[in-house]
Amino acid sequence: MRNVAVFGATGSIGGSTLDVIARHPQRFRASVLAAHRASEALAALCERFVPDLAIIADPALEADLRARLTRAGLATRVASGPEALAEAAASSLCDTVVAAIVGAAGLESTLAAARAGKRLLLANKEAIVMAGPLLLAALREGGGELLPVDSEHNALFQALPPAAATRREALAASGVRKLILTASGGPFRGRTRAELAGITPEQAVAHPNWRMGRKISVDSATLMNKGLEVIEAHFLFDAAPDAIDVVVHPQSIVHSLVEYADGSVLAQLGNPDMRTALAYGLAWPERVDAGVPPLDLVALARLDFQPPDLDTFRCLALAYAALRRGGTAPAVLNAANEVAVAAFLDGQLPFLAIAEIIEACLDKIPAEPVTDLAQLIQTDLTARAAAQRMMRRLHC
């Protein structure tokens, strides 16, 4: 029986995780559930799964959550704030942590789980983008397992040799030539820059294949999501930037590919459903039913691939630039993107200006070698402040 902490329980990844857990009550138990501000939804999940601990990230909502659980007659303990998340991640309440908190807010609890030697199912790509060297050091210190559950990185994990996937050894020693991430292209694939000028938030969050949160959906629309995944692949698998490619694959059936020195290319295919990757991470090295329908290749009939348009979707090129710059540059990229996307979703920034803000921040803030978490937090704050100033200057 694995005791699982689900951080981001009320989001799309959390919901998929809990669906898999519910299918296998003899194998998995949701022992800790955490959400940002959705106290009503979190209370409903607690009634269903009866965890030992429920955490609401916003301390102002702790009393509301406690009252809801009391009325439901639950003995589930309640806590709040980022410190509670980190403490729970490192506690004996769980042996597995699903890190699905969106953005930089999930960094501290992810590092805590790694240092505590937990099985870490990483769905929060921002944590490794911001703090890749620190996360890998924490994993070495704790001796735990890192299993990526982004569909693309989980696909790479499945297609790589076990040594390269689990120990992050040099890929060349395993005969790996290239990692190839697939991108759906988002809702605006094939459009020109001129056609993207008037894009609204409602259009940007309407992903054609995946059901995701609003921020991640916008990242997919700008291809920043794929840029963050390139940086994530670099840290997860010790791959050089030039050894990571992106191809646009509209059907979202081939989730990633690994090219080998002998000319072989291994791909992981499946219907676009996050439960496949989550079930693989929860049960690894075994496989269990995820509730995902089998892939019907005859009905699918075709698989298409094309290069990404880096001139129109500049965020992907900016992510490669930040990775090559190294150090704190990915943290600057991530922070500026979070600020710009939030402003776009609030109707305060045009869609195409997201990339402008990110590029301006990367140009203004010099990259430094990563030393510790305090430095990264300061870098994050500096980049956010710079992005706010640039938005006022460029789009007041």
Protein backbone atom coordinates (compact mmCIF):
# COMPACT_ATOMS: atom_id res chain seq x y z
CA MET A 1 0.00 0.00 0.00
CA ARG A 2 1.45 3.33 -1.08
CA ASN A 3 0.42 6.42 0.89
CA VAL A 4 0.21 9.27 -1.59
CA ALA A 5 0.29 13.02 -0.97
CA VAL A 6 -1.47 14.83 -3.81
CA PHE A 7 -0.39 18.48 -3.96
CA GLY A 8 -2.71 20.32 -6.34
CA ALA A 9 -5.52 17.87 -5.62
CA THR A 10 -8.31 20.05 -7.03
CA GLY A 11 -6.53 20.67 -10.34
CA SER A 12 -6.59 18.56 -13.50
CA ILE A 13 -3.48 16.53 -12.57
CA GLY A 14 -4.78 16.01 -9.05
CA GLY A 15 -8.12 14.84 -10.37
CA SER A 16 -6.47 12.34 -12.72
CA THR A 17 -4.24 11.08 -9.90
CA LEU A 18 -7.18 10.53 -7.60
CA ASP A 19 -9.06 8.73 -10.35
CA VAL A 20 -6.20 6.22 -10.64
CA ILE A 21 -5.97 5.88 -6.85
CA ALA A 22 -9.71 5.18 -6.63
CA ARG A 23 -9.36 2.38 -9.17
CA HIS A 24 -6.79 0.58 -6.99
CA PRO A 25 -7.80 0.97 -3.31
CA GLN A 26 -5.79 -2.11 -2.41
CA ARG A 27 -2.58 -0.50 -3.71
CA PHE A 28 -2.85 3.26 -3.16
CA ARG A 29 -4.29 5.58 -0.52
CA ALA A 30 -4.58 9.39 -0.70
CA SER A 31 -3.15 10.19 2.73
CA VAL A 32 -2.56 13.93 2.17
CA LEU A 33 -4.58 16.27 -0.04
CA ALA A 34 -3.61 19.88 -0.72
CA ALA A 35 -5.11 22.74 -2.71
CA HIS A 36 -4.42 26.43 -3.22
CA ARG A 37 -7.72 28.19 -2.42
CA ALA A 38 -10.51 25.79 -3.43
CA SER A 39 -11.59 24.89 0.10
CA GLU A 40 -15.05 23.67 -0.93
CA ALA A 41 -13.65 21.35 -3.60
CA LEU A 42 -10.91 20.14 -1.24
CA ALA A 43 -13.47 19.37 1.46
CA ALA A 44 -15.49 17.33 -1.04
CA LEU A 45 -12.39 15.31 -1.91
CA CYS A 46 -11.71 14.75 1.77
CA GLU A 47 -15.20 13.34 2.23
CA ARG A 48 -14.51 10.90 -0.58
CA PHE A 49 -10.92 9.86 0.20
CA VAL A 50 -10.68 10.55 3.98
CA PRO A 51 -7.00 11.61 4.10
CA ASP A 52 -5.03 11.99 7.31
CA LEU A 53 -4.22 15.62 6.48
CA ALA A 54 -5.76 18.34 4.32
CA ILE A 55 -3.74 21.46 3.49
CA ILE A 56 -5.05 24.72 2.07
CA ALA A 57 -2.19 26.88 0.82
CA ASP A 58 -3.97 30.15 1.64
CA PRO A 59 -3.97 30.50 5.47
CA ALA A 60 -7.02 32.78 5.27
CA LEU A 61 -9.11 29.75 4.26
CA GLU A 62 -7.91 27.34 6.95
CA ALA A 63 -10.85 28.05 9.27
CA ASP A 64 -13.32 27.58 6.42
CA LEU A 65 -11.81 24.21 5.48
CA ARG A 66 -11.74 23.05 9.11
CA ALA A 67 -15.41 23.99 9.55
CA ARG A 68 -16.40 22.09 6.42
CA LEU A 69 -14.58 18.94 7.55
CA THR A 70 -16.05 19.20 11.04
CA ARG A 71 -19.57 19.42 9.64
CA ALA A 72 -18.81 16.33 7.56
CA GLY A 73 -17.74 14.46 10.69
CA LEU A 74 -14.19 13.85 9.44
CA ALA A 75 -11.17 13.42 11.70
CA THR A 76 -8.86 14.71 8.96
CA ARG A 77 -6.37 17.23 10.34
CA VAL A 78 -6.16 20.65 8.69
CA ALA A 79 -3.13 22.85 8.06
CA SER A 80 -2.28 25.79 5.83
CA GLY A 81 0.58 27.66 4.21
CA PRO A 82 3.73 26.67 2.32
CA GLU A 83 5.43 25.46 5.50
CA ALA A 84 2.68 22.91 6.02
CA LEU A 85 3.16 21.63 2.47
CA ALA A 86 6.91 21.17 2.98
CA GLU A 87 6.39 19.48 6.36
CA ALA A 88 3.82 17.07 4.95
CA ALA A 89 6.05 16.23 1.97
CA ALA A 90 8.82 15.18 4.33
CA SER A 91 6.60 13.47 6.93
CA SER A 92 5.78 9.84 7.58
CA LEU A 93 2.23 10.44 6.35
CA CYS A 94 3.30 9.65 2.80
CA ASP A 95 5.89 7.69 0.84
CA THR A 96 4.85 9.14 -2.53
CA VAL A 97 4.34 12.81 -3.41
CA VAL A 98 2.53 13.98 -6.53
CA ALA A 99 3.90 17.49 -7.10
CA ALA A 100 1.18 19.14 -9.19
CA ILE A 101 1.11 22.67 -7.75
CA VAL A 102 1.28 25.09 -10.66
CA GLY A 103 4.15 27.56 -10.81
CA ALA A 104 6.93 28.51 -8.43
CA ALA A 105 4.64 27.94 -5.42
CA GLY A 106 5.38 24.22 -5.54
CA LEU A 107 9.16 24.54 -5.34
CA GLU A 108 9.74 24.29 -1.59
CA SER A 109 7.53 21.23 -1.02
CA THR A 110 9.05 19.48 -4.05
CA LEU A 111 12.56 19.96 -2.66
CA ALA A 112 11.38 18.77 0.76
CA ALA A 113 10.00 15.55 -0.72
CA ALA A 114 13.25 14.94 -2.60
CA ARG A 115 15.40 15.48 0.50
CA ALA A 116 13.17 13.10 2.46
CA GLY A 117 13.74 10.26 0.01
CA LYS A 118 10.15 10.03 -1.23
CA ARG A 119 8.98 8.74 -4.58
CA LEU A 120 8.43 12.07 -6.30
CA LEU A 121 5.98 12.16 -9.19
CA LEU A 122 6.90 15.46 -10.77
CA ALA A 123 4.09 17.24 -12.60
CA ASN A 124 5.25 20.73 -11.61
CA LYS A 125 7.77 21.47 -14.32
CA GLU A 126 8.47 24.93 -12.91
CA ALA A 127 10.23 23.40 -9.89
CA ILE A 128 12.88 21.72 -11.99
CA VAL A 129 13.07 24.61 -14.46
CA MET A 130 13.79 27.06 -11.64
CA ALA A 131 15.91 24.83 -9.45
CA GLY A 132 17.15 21.90 -11.49
CA PRO A 133 20.61 21.68 -9.85
CA LEU A 134 19.10 22.00 -6.35
CA LEU A 135 16.45 19.36 -7.03
CA LEU A 136 18.98 16.87 -8.35
CA ALA A 137 21.22 17.51 -5.33
CA ALA A 138 18.23 16.97 -3.00
CA LEU A 139 17.45 13.67 -4.71
CA ARG A 140 21.04 12.51 -4.28
CA GLU A 141 20.91 13.54 -0.62
CA GLY A 142 17.60 11.79 0.09
CA GLY A 143 18.04 8.74 -2.11
CA GLY A 144 14.49 8.93 -3.40
CA GLU A 145 13.01 8.31 -6.83
CA LEU A 146 12.05 10.99 -9.35
CA LEU A 147 9.48 9.85 -11.89
CA PRO A 148 8.29 12.49 -14.35
CA VAL A 149 4.56 12.45 -15.03
CA ASP A 150 4.39 15.10 -17.69
CA SER A 151 3.22 12.97 -20.61
CA GLU A 152 6.29 13.86 -22.69
CA HIS A 153 8.90 13.16 -20.02
CA ASN A 154 7.11 10.07 -18.85
CA ALA A 155 7.25 8.88 -22.45
CA LEU A 156 11.00 9.51 -22.56
CA PHE A 157 11.36 7.66 -19.25
CA GLN A 158 9.62 4.67 -20.79
CA ALA A 159 11.64 4.74 -24.03
CA LEU A 160 15.09 5.26 -22.48
CA PRO A 161 17.32 2.45 -21.19
CA PRO A 162 16.62 1.91 -17.46
CA ALA A 163 20.07 3.16 -16.42
CA ALA A 164 19.72 6.44 -18.30
CA ALA A 165 16.13 6.97 -17.16
CA THR A 166 16.59 6.30 -13.44
CA ARG A 167 20.17 7.34 -12.77
CA ARG A 168 20.49 10.24 -15.22
CA GLU A 169 23.74 8.84 -16.58
CA ALA A 170 25.23 10.42 -19.69
CA LEU A 171 22.93 9.57 -22.57
CA ALA A 172 25.80 8.94 -24.99
CA ALA A 173 26.98 6.03 -22.84
CA SER A 174 23.59 4.39 -23.40
CA GLY A 175 23.68 4.85 -27.16
CA VAL A 176 21.15 7.70 -27.10
CA ARG A 177 21.60 10.31 -29.80
CA LYS A 178 18.61 12.59 -29.30
CA LEU A 179 15.48 13.17 -27.22
CA ILE A 180 12.47 14.30 -29.26
CA LEU A 181 9.55 16.00 -27.51
CA THR A 182 6.26 16.28 -29.34
CA ALA A 183 4.02 19.35 -29.17
CA SER A 184 0.39 19.51 -30.21
CA GLY A 185 0.96 23.04 -31.48
CA GLY A 186 -1.86 24.28 -29.26
CA PRO A 187 -5.02 26.00 -30.50
CA PHE A 188 -3.15 28.38 -32.85
CA ARG A 189 -1.00 25.97 -34.82
CA GLY A 190 -0.44 27.25 -38.35
CA ARG A 191 -1.43 30.84 -37.64
CA THR A 192 0.76 33.83 -38.44
CA ARG A 193 1.86 36.52 -35.98
CA ALA A 194 -0.63 38.93 -37.53
CA GLU A 195 -3.44 36.45 -36.86
CA LEU A 196 -2.43 36.18 -33.20
CA ALA A 197 -2.57 39.89 -32.44
CA GLY A 198 -6.13 39.90 -31.15
CA ILE A 199 -6.22 36.55 -29.37
CA THR A 200 -8.40 36.49 -26.25
CA PRO A 201 -7.84 34.45 -23.06
CA GLU A 202 -10.91 32.33 -23.87
CA GLN A 203 -9.39 31.36 -27.21
CA ALA A 204 -5.99 30.63 -25.68
CA VAL A 205 -7.27 28.24 -23.01
CA ALA A 206 -9.30 26.16 -25.50
CA HIS A 207 -6.73 23.39 -26.05
CA PRO A 208 -7.74 20.98 -28.84
CA ASN A 209 -6.49 17.77 -27.18
CA TRP A 210 -5.77 18.12 -23.47
CA ARG A 211 -7.86 19.22 -20.50
CA MET A 212 -5.58 21.50 -18.47
CA GLY A 213 -5.61 24.53 -16.18
CA ARG A 214 -5.75 28.04 -17.60
CA LYS A 215 -2.09 28.92 -17.06
CA ILE A 216 -0.78 25.69 -18.59
CA SER A 217 -3.20 26.05 -21.49
CA VAL A 218 -1.82 29.51 -22.30
CA ASP A 219 1.71 28.11 -22.07
CA SER A 220 0.70 25.48 -24.61
CA ALA A 221 -0.73 28.18 -26.87
CA THR A 222 2.55 30.15 -26.81
CA LEU A 223 4.72 26.96 -26.92
CA MET A 224 6.30 28.07 -23.64
CA ASN A 225 5.01 24.83 -22.18
CA LYS A 226 7.24 22.98 -24.61
CA GLY A 227 10.12 25.32 -23.84
CA LEU A 228 9.82 24.54 -20.14
CA GLU A 229 9.74 20.85 -21.04
CA VAL A 230 12.99 21.20 -22.99
CA ILE A 231 14.65 22.62 -19.87
CA GLU A 232 13.07 19.89 -17.77
CA ALA A 233 14.38 17.18 -20.11
CA HIS A 234 17.87 18.65 -19.82
CA PHE A 235 17.87 18.27 -16.04
CA LEU A 236 15.96 14.99 -15.85
CA PHE A 237 18.08 13.10 -18.34
CA ASP A 238 21.36 15.03 -18.44
CA ALA A 239 20.79 15.94 -22.08
CA ALA A 240 22.59 18.79 -23.83
CA PRO A 241 20.36 21.47 -25.38
CA ASP A 242 21.39 20.41 -28.89
CA ALA A 243 20.35 16.83 -28.09
CA ILE A 244 16.72 17.85 -27.39
CA ASP A 245 14.42 18.45 -30.34
CA VAL A 246 10.77 19.49 -30.58
CA VAL A 247 8.39 18.43 -33.33
CA VAL A 248 4.77 19.48 -33.72
CA HIS A 249 2.43 16.49 -33.73
CA PRO A 250 -1.21 17.66 -33.85
CA GLN A 251 -2.82 14.36 -32.84
CA SER A 252 -0.98 14.16 -29.45
CA ILE A 253 -0.71 10.37 -29.80
CA VAL A 254 3.09 10.05 -29.94
CA HIS A 255 4.15 11.64 -26.67
CA SER A 256 7.94 11.56 -27.16
CA LEU A 257 10.64 9.68 -29.01
CA VAL A 258 14.22 8.61 -28.33
CA GLU A 259 16.70 8.37 -31.23
CA TYR A 260 19.59 5.92 -30.82
CA ALA A 261 23.03 5.76 -32.39
CA ASP A 262 22.13 2.68 -34.44
CA GLY A 263 19.33 4.53 -36.22
CA SER A 264 16.51 3.14 -34.10
CA VAL A 265 13.81 5.50 -32.84
CA LEU A 266 11.63 4.33 -29.94
CA ALA A 267 8.35 6.13 -29.34
CA GLN A 268 5.70 5.93 -26.62
CA LEU A 269 2.14 6.20 -27.95
CA GLY A 270 -1.20 6.48 -26.22
CA ASN A 271 -4.43 8.40 -26.10
CA PRO A 272 -4.00 11.94 -24.71
CA ASP A 273 -4.91 11.21 -21.10
CA MET A 274 -2.72 12.09 -18.11
CA ARG A 275 -3.87 9.00 -16.22
CA THR A 276 -1.50 6.84 -18.29
CA ALA A 277 1.62 8.64 -17.04
CA LEU A 278 0.28 8.95 -13.49
CA ALA A 279 -0.57 5.26 -13.25
CA TYR A 280 2.89 4.40 -14.56
CA GLY A 281 4.51 6.64 -11.93
CA LEU A 282 2.38 5.36 -9.06
CA ALA A 283 2.89 1.66 -9.83
CA TRP A 284 6.39 1.72 -11.39
CA PRO A 285 8.07 -0.63 -12.24
CA GLU A 286 4.74 -2.42 -12.63
CA ARG A 287 1.81 -1.34 -14.79
CA VAL A 288 -1.81 -1.05 -13.69
CA ASP A 289 -5.09 -0.14 -15.32
CA ALA A 290 -5.39 3.63 -15.66
CA GLY A 291 -8.93 3.74 -17.01
CA VAL A 292 -7.64 4.97 -20.38
CA PRO A 293 -9.24 3.49 -23.53
CA PRO A 294 -6.86 1.46 -25.73
CA LEU A 295 -5.36 3.19 -28.72
CA ASP A 296 -7.10 2.36 -32.01
CA LEU A 297 -4.48 2.92 -34.70
CA VAL A 298 -6.83 1.90 -37.51
CA ALA A 299 -9.39 4.51 -36.46
CA LEU A 300 -6.62 7.07 -36.04
CA ALA A 301 -5.37 6.34 -39.57
CA ARG A 302 -2.55 8.93 -39.65
CA LEU A 303 0.15 10.63 -37.60
CA ASP A 304 1.48 14.01 -38.73
CA PHE A 305 4.71 15.80 -37.79
CA GLN A 306 6.08 19.24 -38.65
CA PRO A 307 8.73 21.65 -37.33
CA PRO A 308 7.70 24.33 -34.82
CA ASP A 309 7.39 27.91 -36.08
CA LEU A 310 9.93 29.65 -33.84
CA ASP A 311 9.38 33.05 -35.46
CA THR A 312 5.69 33.10 -34.62
CA PHE A 313 5.90 31.22 -31.31
CA ARG A 314 9.00 32.87 -29.89
CA CYS A 315 8.63 31.53 -26.35
CA LEU A 316 10.11 28.17 -27.38
CA ALA A 317 13.21 29.89 -28.78
CA LEU A 318 13.51 31.97 -25.59
CA ALA A 319 13.44 28.81 -23.48
CA TYR A 320 16.29 27.30 -25.50
CA ALA A 321 18.20 30.58 -25.07
CA ALA A 322 17.70 30.52 -21.30
CA LEU A 323 18.83 26.89 -21.10
CA ARG A 324 22.01 27.63 -23.05
CA ARG A 325 22.66 30.68 -20.85
CA GLY A 326 22.30 28.44 -17.80
CA GLY A 327 22.46 29.33 -14.12
CA THR A 328 19.53 31.43 -12.96
CA ALA A 329 18.33 32.26 -16.49
CA PRO A 330 15.62 29.54 -16.50
CA ALA A 331 14.30 30.94 -13.21
CA VAL A 332 14.06 34.40 -14.80
CA LEU A 333 12.29 32.89 -17.81
CA ASN A 334 9.77 31.09 -15.61
CA ALA A 335 9.02 34.08 -13.36
CA ALA A 336 8.59 36.51 -16.24
CA ASN A 337 6.32 34.04 -18.01
CA GLU A 338 4.11 33.56 -14.95
CA VAL A 339 3.66 37.31 -14.57
CA ALA A 340 3.00 37.88 -18.27
CA VAL A 341 0.54 34.98 -18.58
CA ALA A 342 -1.37 36.14 -15.48
CA ALA A 343 -1.63 39.63 -16.97
CA PHE A 344 -2.84 38.21 -20.29
CA LEU A 345 -5.49 36.11 -18.54
CA ASP A 346 -6.62 39.24 -16.68
CA GLY A 347 -6.97 41.12 -19.97
CA GLN A 348 -4.07 43.47 -19.17
CA LEU A 349 -1.58 42.29 -21.81
CA PRO A 350 -1.85 41.28 -25.48
CA PHE A 351 -1.09 37.66 -26.35
CA LEU A 352 2.00 38.47 -28.44
CA ALA A 353 3.42 40.66 -25.66
CA ILE A 354 3.98 37.62 -23.44
CA ALA A 355 7.16 36.80 -25.36
CA GLU A 356 8.20 40.48 -25.40
CA ILE A 357 8.11 40.68 -21.60
CA ILE A 358 10.06 37.43 -21.17
CA GLU A 359 12.76 38.46 -23.65
CA ALA A 360 13.14 41.88 -22.02
CA CYS A 361 13.62 40.27 -18.60
CA LEU A 362 16.20 37.80 -19.92
CA ASP A 363 18.10 40.68 -21.51
CA LYS A 364 17.99 42.83 -18.38
CA ILE A 365 18.76 40.31 -15.62
CA PRO A 366 22.19 38.64 -15.86
CA ALA A 367 22.43 34.89 -15.30
CA GLU A 368 24.38 33.72 -12.25
CA PRO A 369 25.46 30.23 -11.14
CA VAL A 370 22.81 28.59 -8.94
CA THR A 371 23.96 28.43 -5.31
CA ASP A 372 20.95 27.91 -3.02
CA LEU A 373 17.20 28.26 -2.65
CA ALA A 374 17.40 31.76 -1.15
CA GLN A 375 19.19 32.97 -4.27
CA LEU A 376 16.56 31.43 -6.54
CA ILE A 377 13.72 32.96 -4.54
CA GLN A 378 15.39 36.36 -4.81
CA THR A 379 15.91 35.85 -8.55
CA ASP A 380 12.25 34.93 -8.90
CA LEU A 381 11.16 38.07 -7.06
CA THR A 382 13.56 40.26 -9.06
CA ALA A 383 12.30 38.88 -12.35
CA ARG A 384 8.66 39.32 -11.34
CA ALA A 385 9.25 42.94 -10.37
CA ALA A 386 11.11 43.57 -13.63
CA ALA A 387 8.28 42.01 -15.64
CA GLN A 388 5.73 44.24 -13.90
CA ARG A 389 7.80 47.34 -14.68
CA MET A 390 8.23 46.34 -18.31
CA MET A 391 4.51 45.72 -18.70
CA ARG A 392 3.76 49.21 -17.44
CA ARG A 393 6.38 50.67 -19.76
CA LEU A 394 5.49 48.72 -22.92
CA HIS A 395 1.73 48.29 -22.54
CA CYS A 396 0.45 50.94 -20.18
